[in-house]
Amino acid sequence: MGSWKQDHPKQLKKIVYALSEGNLKKVILDHESRGWAKASDVKEYNYGVGCLMIWNR
């Protein structure tokens, strides 16, 4: 019997954010071109908007 950590490899996550939805779309596209995938909807974050992204590679 193993540990629960052995069954679930670590996954990199990050929140990307911007002051406006237009700027956030640019940031998301830049991250997607580098291998990140959008993992949540756009939500309010501090003074702007943000979303969760997960590393795919």
PDB file of N, CA and C in Angstrom:
ATOM      1  N   MET A   1       0.841  -1.171   0.000  1.00  0.00           N
ATOM      2  CA  MET A   1       0.000   0.000   0.000  1.00  0.00           C
ATOM      3  C   MET A   1       0.890   1.239   0.000  1.00  0.00           C
ATOM      4  N   GLY A   2       0.641   2.163  -0.936  1.00  0.00           N
ATOM      5  CA  GLY A   2       1.485   3.340  -1.067  1.00  0.00           C
ATOM      6  C   GLY A   2       0.819   4.588  -0.527  1.00  0.00           C
ATOM      7  N   SER A   3       1.568   5.618  -0.589  1.00  0.00           N
ATOM      8  CA  SER A   3       1.070   6.925  -0.159  1.00  0.00           C
ATOM      9  C   SER A   3       0.148   7.503  -1.227  1.00  0.00           C
ATOM     10  N   TRP A   4      -0.777   8.378  -0.815  1.00  0.00           N
ATOM     11  CA  TRP A   4      -1.670   9.019  -1.777  1.00  0.00           C
ATOM     12  C   TRP A   4      -0.914   9.944  -2.704  1.00  0.00           C
ATOM     13  N   LYS A   5       0.264  10.416  -2.293  1.00  0.00           N
ATOM     14  CA  LYS A   5       1.047  11.312  -3.143  1.00  0.00           C
ATOM     15  C   LYS A   5       1.625  10.585  -4.354  1.00  0.00           C
ATOM     16  N   GLN A   6       1.875   9.286  -4.218  1.00  0.00           N
ATOM     17  CA  GLN A   6       2.436   8.534  -5.338  1.00  0.00           C
ATOM     18  C   GLN A   6       1.436   8.425  -6.485  1.00  0.00           C
ATOM     19  N   ASP A   7       0.158   8.426  -6.184  1.00  0.00           N
ATOM     20  CA  ASP A   7      -0.860   8.285  -7.221  1.00  0.00           C
ATOM     21  C   ASP A   7      -1.141   9.590  -7.957  1.00  0.00           C
ATOM     22  N   HIS A   8      -0.748  10.719  -7.382  1.00  0.00           N
ATOM     23  CA  HIS A   8      -1.036  12.023  -7.968  1.00  0.00           C
ATOM     24  C   HIS A   8       0.255  12.815  -8.148  1.00  0.00           C
ATOM     25  N   PRO A   9       0.795  12.848  -9.375  1.00  0.00           N
ATOM     26  CA  PRO A   9       2.010  13.643  -9.584  1.00  0.00           C
ATOM     27  C   PRO A   9       1.723  15.137  -9.401  1.00  0.00           C
ATOM     28  N   LYS A  10       2.744  15.882  -9.012  1.00  0.00           N
ATOM     29  CA  LYS A  10       2.582  17.325  -8.829  1.00  0.00           C
ATOM     30  C   LYS A  10       2.230  17.988 -10.155  1.00  0.00           C
ATOM     31  N   GLN A  11       1.397  18.999 -10.076  1.00  0.00           N
ATOM     32  CA  GLN A  11       1.004  19.736 -11.268  1.00  0.00           C
ATOM     33  C   GLN A  11       1.226  21.219 -11.008  1.00  0.00           C
ATOM     34  N   LEU A  12       1.908  21.882 -11.934  1.00  0.00           N
ATOM     35  CA  LEU A  12       2.169  23.310 -11.787  1.00  0.00           C
ATOM     36  C   LEU A  12       0.902  24.098 -12.080  1.00  0.00           C
ATOM     37  N   LYS A  13       0.594  25.042 -11.198  1.00  0.00           N
ATOM     38  CA  LYS A  13      -0.572  25.897 -11.363  1.00  0.00           C
ATOM     39  C   LYS A  13      -0.163  27.338 -11.129  1.00  0.00           C
ATOM     40  N   LYS A  14      -0.832  28.255 -11.793  1.00  0.00           N
ATOM     41  CA  LYS A  14      -0.568  29.672 -11.560  1.00  0.00           C
ATOM     42  C   LYS A  14      -1.808  30.482 -11.883  1.00  0.00           C
ATOM     43  N   ILE A  15      -1.922  31.622 -11.243  1.00  0.00           N
ATOM     44  CA  ILE A  15      -3.004  32.553 -11.547  1.00  0.00           C
ATOM     45  C   ILE A  15      -2.417  33.670 -12.391  1.00  0.00           C
ATOM     46  N   VAL A  16      -3.013  33.885 -13.549  1.00  0.00           N
ATOM     47  CA  VAL A  16      -2.614  35.019 -14.385  1.00  0.00           C
ATOM     48  C   VAL A  16      -3.697  36.072 -14.249  1.00  0.00           C
ATOM     49  N   TYR A  17      -3.294  37.339 -14.236  1.00  0.00           N
ATOM     50  CA  TYR A  17      -4.263  38.402 -14.007  1.00  0.00           C
ATOM     51  C   TYR A  17      -3.868  39.662 -14.749  1.00  0.00           C
ATOM     52  N   ALA A  18      -4.854  40.537 -14.930  1.00  0.00           N
ATOM     53  CA  ALA A  18      -4.650  41.832 -15.580  1.00  0.00           C
ATOM     54  C   ALA A  18      -5.732  42.779 -15.089  1.00  0.00           C
ATOM     55  N   LEU A  19      -5.590  44.044 -15.400  1.00  0.00           N
ATOM     56  CA  LEU A  19      -6.559  45.032 -14.952  1.00  0.00           C
ATOM     57  C   LEU A  19      -7.836  45.033 -15.787  1.00  0.00           C
ATOM     58  N   SER A  20      -7.769  44.528 -17.025  1.00  0.00           N
ATOM     59  CA  SER A  20      -8.964  44.489 -17.873  1.00  0.00           C
ATOM     60  C   SER A  20      -9.049  43.128 -18.563  1.00  0.00           C
ATOM     61  N   GLU A  21     -10.250  42.775 -19.017  1.00  0.00           N
ATOM     62  CA  GLU A  21     -10.429  41.480 -19.687  1.00  0.00           C
ATOM     63  C   GLU A  21      -9.687  41.425 -21.023  1.00  0.00           C
ATOM     64  N   GLY A  22      -9.579  42.552 -21.698  1.00  0.00           N
ATOM     65  CA  GLY A  22      -8.835  42.585 -22.954  1.00  0.00           C
ATOM     66  C   GLY A  22      -7.366  42.251 -22.751  1.00  0.00           C
ATOM     67  N   ASN A  23      -6.770  42.852 -21.729  1.00  0.00           N
ATOM     68  CA  ASN A  23      -5.366  42.551 -21.430  1.00  0.00           C
ATOM     69  C   ASN A  23      -5.194  41.124 -20.938  1.00  0.00           C
ATOM     70  N   LEU A  24      -6.178  40.622 -20.189  1.00  0.00           N
ATOM     71  CA  LEU A  24      -6.086  39.247 -19.696  1.00  0.00           C
ATOM     72  C   LEU A  24      -6.109  38.264 -20.862  1.00  0.00           C
ATOM     73  N   LYS A  25      -6.899  38.520 -21.887  1.00  0.00           N
ATOM     74  CA  LYS A  25      -6.943  37.630 -23.051  1.00  0.00           C
ATOM     75  C   LYS A  25      -5.572  37.541 -23.708  1.00  0.00           C
ATOM     76  N   LYS A  26      -4.865  38.682 -23.797  1.00  0.00           N
ATOM     77  CA  LYS A  26      -3.511  38.679 -24.363  1.00  0.00           C
ATOM     78  C   LYS A  26      -2.569  37.847 -23.505  1.00  0.00           C
ATOM     79  N   VAL A  27      -2.667  38.003 -22.184  1.00  0.00           N
ATOM     80  CA  VAL A  27      -1.803  37.252 -21.266  1.00  0.00           C
ATOM     81  C   VAL A  27      -2.085  35.751 -21.381  1.00  0.00           C
ATOM     82  N   ILE A  28      -3.367  35.385 -21.466  1.00  0.00           N
ATOM     83  CA  ILE A  28      -3.742  33.972 -21.595  1.00  0.00           C
ATOM     84  C   ILE A  28      -3.193  33.395 -22.897  1.00  0.00           C
ATOM     85  N   LEU A  29      -3.336  34.126 -24.005  1.00  0.00           N
ATOM     86  CA  LEU A  29      -2.823  33.645 -25.295  1.00  0.00           C
ATOM     87  C   LEU A  29      -1.302  33.467 -25.249  1.00  0.00           C
ATOM     88  N   ASP A  30      -0.601  34.403 -24.619  1.00  0.00           N
ATOM     89  CA  ASP A  30       0.855  34.275 -24.489  1.00  0.00           C
ATOM     90  C   ASP A  30       1.230  33.026 -23.694  1.00  0.00           C
ATOM     91  N   HIS A  31       0.513  32.772 -22.598  1.00  0.00           N
ATOM     92  CA  HIS A  31       0.806  31.588 -21.786  1.00  0.00           C
ATOM     93  C   HIS A  31       0.446  30.299 -22.526  1.00  0.00           C
ATOM     94  N   GLU A  32      -0.665  30.299 -23.258  1.00  0.00           N
ATOM     95  CA  GLU A  32      -1.037  29.106 -24.013  1.00  0.00           C
ATOM     96  C   GLU A  32      -0.012  28.785 -25.088  1.00  0.00           C
ATOM     97  N   SER A  33       0.601  29.790 -25.664  1.00  0.00           N
ATOM     98  CA  SER A  33       1.634  29.538 -26.679  1.00  0.00           C
ATOM     99  C   SER A  33       2.895  28.930 -26.068  1.00  0.00           C
ATOM    100  N   ARG A  34       3.047  29.065 -24.747  1.00  0.00           N
ATOM    101  CA  ARG A  34       4.201  28.499 -24.040  1.00  0.00           C
ATOM    102  C   ARG A  34       3.881  27.181 -23.341  1.00  0.00           C
ATOM    103  N   GLY A  35       2.665  26.639 -23.545  1.00  0.00           N
ATOM    104  CA  GLY A  35       2.360  25.322 -22.998  1.00  0.00           C
ATOM    105  C   GLY A  35       1.404  25.291 -21.821  1.00  0.00           C
ATOM    106  N   TRP A  36       0.905  26.437 -21.366  1.00  0.00           N
ATOM    107  CA  TRP A  36      -0.047  26.479 -20.265  1.00  0.00           C
ATOM    108  C   TRP A  36      -1.456  26.311 -20.820  1.00  0.00           C
ATOM    109  N   ALA A  37      -2.360  25.755 -20.000  1.00  0.00           N
ATOM    110  CA  ALA A  37      -3.760  25.583 -20.394  1.00  0.00           C
ATOM    111  C   ALA A  37      -4.654  26.304 -19.397  1.00  0.00           C
ATOM    112  N   LYS A  38      -5.690  26.934 -19.894  1.00  0.00           N
ATOM    113  CA  LYS A  38      -6.650  27.639 -19.041  1.00  0.00           C
ATOM    114  C   LYS A  38      -7.470  26.609 -18.272  1.00  0.00           C
ATOM    115  N   ALA A  39      -7.553  26.756 -16.950  1.00  0.00           N
ATOM    116  CA  ALA A  39      -8.220  25.752 -16.119  1.00  0.00           C
ATOM    117  C   ALA A  39      -9.450  26.279 -15.399  1.00  0.00           C
ATOM    118  N   SER A  40      -9.749  27.564 -15.522  1.00  0.00           N
ATOM    119  CA  SER A  40     -10.935  28.102 -14.853  1.00  0.00           C
ATOM    120  C   SER A  40     -11.513  29.240 -15.684  1.00  0.00           C
ATOM    121  N   ASP A  41     -12.675  29.676 -15.277  1.00  0.00           N
ATOM    122  CA  ASP A  41     -13.297  30.830 -15.917  1.00  0.00           C
ATOM    123  C   ASP A  41     -12.603  32.108 -15.443  1.00  0.00           C
ATOM    124  N   VAL A  42     -12.818  33.182 -16.167  1.00  0.00           N
ATOM    125  CA  VAL A  42     -12.293  34.490 -15.772  1.00  0.00           C
ATOM    126  C   VAL A  42     -13.137  35.001 -14.602  1.00  0.00           C
ATOM    127  N   LYS A  43     -12.459  35.400 -13.536  1.00  0.00           N
ATOM    128  CA  LYS A  43     -13.144  35.884 -12.337  1.00  0.00           C
ATOM    129  C   LYS A  43     -12.472  37.158 -11.847  1.00  0.00           C
ATOM    130  N   GLU A  44     -13.166  37.894 -10.988  1.00  0.00           N
ATOM    131  CA  GLU A  44     -12.556  39.080 -10.379  1.00  0.00           C
ATOM    132  C   GLU A  44     -11.378  38.646  -9.526  1.00  0.00           C
ATOM    133  N   TYR A  45     -10.281  39.409  -9.605  1.00  0.00           N
ATOM    134  CA  TYR A  45      -9.076  39.096  -8.848  1.00  0.00           C
ATOM    135  C   TYR A  45      -8.421  40.423  -8.456  1.00  0.00           C
ATOM    136  N   ASN A  46      -8.360  40.707  -7.189  1.00  0.00           N
ATOM    137  CA  ASN A  46      -7.854  41.988  -6.672  1.00  0.00           C
ATOM    138  C   ASN A  46      -8.570  43.152  -7.365  1.00  0.00           C
ATOM    139  N   TYR A  47      -7.824  44.007  -8.047  1.00  0.00           N
ATOM    140  CA  TYR A  47      -8.421  45.161  -8.714  1.00  0.00           C
ATOM    141  C   TYR A  47      -8.753  44.887 -10.178  1.00  0.00           C
ATOM    142  N   GLY A  48      -8.528  43.673 -10.646  1.00  0.00           N
ATOM    143  CA  GLY A  48      -8.770  43.347 -12.042  1.00  0.00           C
ATOM    144  C   GLY A  48      -9.471  42.017 -12.186  1.00  0.00           C
ATOM    145  N   VAL A  49      -9.026  41.243 -13.185  1.00  0.00           N
ATOM    146  CA  VAL A  49      -9.590  39.927 -13.445  1.00  0.00           C
ATOM    147  C   VAL A  49      -8.454  38.923 -13.605  1.00  0.00           C
ATOM    148  N   GLY A  50      -8.746  37.660 -13.348  1.00  0.00           N
ATOM    149  CA  GLY A  50      -7.718  36.630 -13.452  1.00  0.00           C
ATOM    150  C   GLY A  50      -8.332  35.267 -13.694  1.00  0.00           C
ATOM    151  N   CYS A  51      -7.476  34.285 -13.977  1.00  0.00           N
ATOM    152  CA  CYS A  51      -7.922  32.904 -14.132  1.00  0.00           C
ATOM    153  C   CYS A  51      -6.774  31.964 -13.781  1.00  0.00           C
ATOM    154  N   LEU A  52      -7.123  30.724 -13.485  1.00  0.00           N
ATOM    155  CA  LEU A  52      -6.146  29.695 -13.138  1.00  0.00           C
ATOM    156  C   LEU A  52      -5.642  29.035 -14.408  1.00  0.00           C
ATOM    157  N   MET A  53      -4.337  28.793 -14.451  1.00  0.00           N
ATOM    158  CA  MET A  53      -3.743  28.083 -15.591  1.00  0.00           C
ATOM    159  C   MET A  53      -2.906  26.933 -15.059  1.00  0.00           C
ATOM    160  N   ILE A  54      -2.857  25.844 -15.854  1.00  0.00           N
ATOM    161  CA  ILE A  54      -2.145  24.618 -15.472  1.00  0.00           C
ATOM    162  C   ILE A  54      -1.146  24.295 -16.559  1.00  0.00           C
ATOM    163  N   TRP A  55       0.050  23.823 -16.157  1.00  0.00           N
ATOM    164  CA  TRP A  55       1.108  23.444 -17.096  1.00  0.00           C
ATOM    165  C   TRP A  55       0.753  22.108 -17.728  1.00  0.00           C
ATOM    166  N   ASN A  56       0.802  22.033 -19.045  1.00  0.00           N
ATOM    167  CA  ASN A  56       0.390  20.825 -19.777  1.00  0.00           C
ATOM    168  C   ASN A  56       1.539  19.898 -20.158  1.00  0.00           C
ATOM    169  N   ARG A  57       2.705  20.394 -20.343  1.00  0.00           N
ATOM    170  CA  ARG A  57       3.783  19.563 -20.902  1.00  0.00           C
ATOM    171  C   ARG A  57       4.375  18.631 -19.906  1.00  0.00           C
TER     172      ARG A  57
END
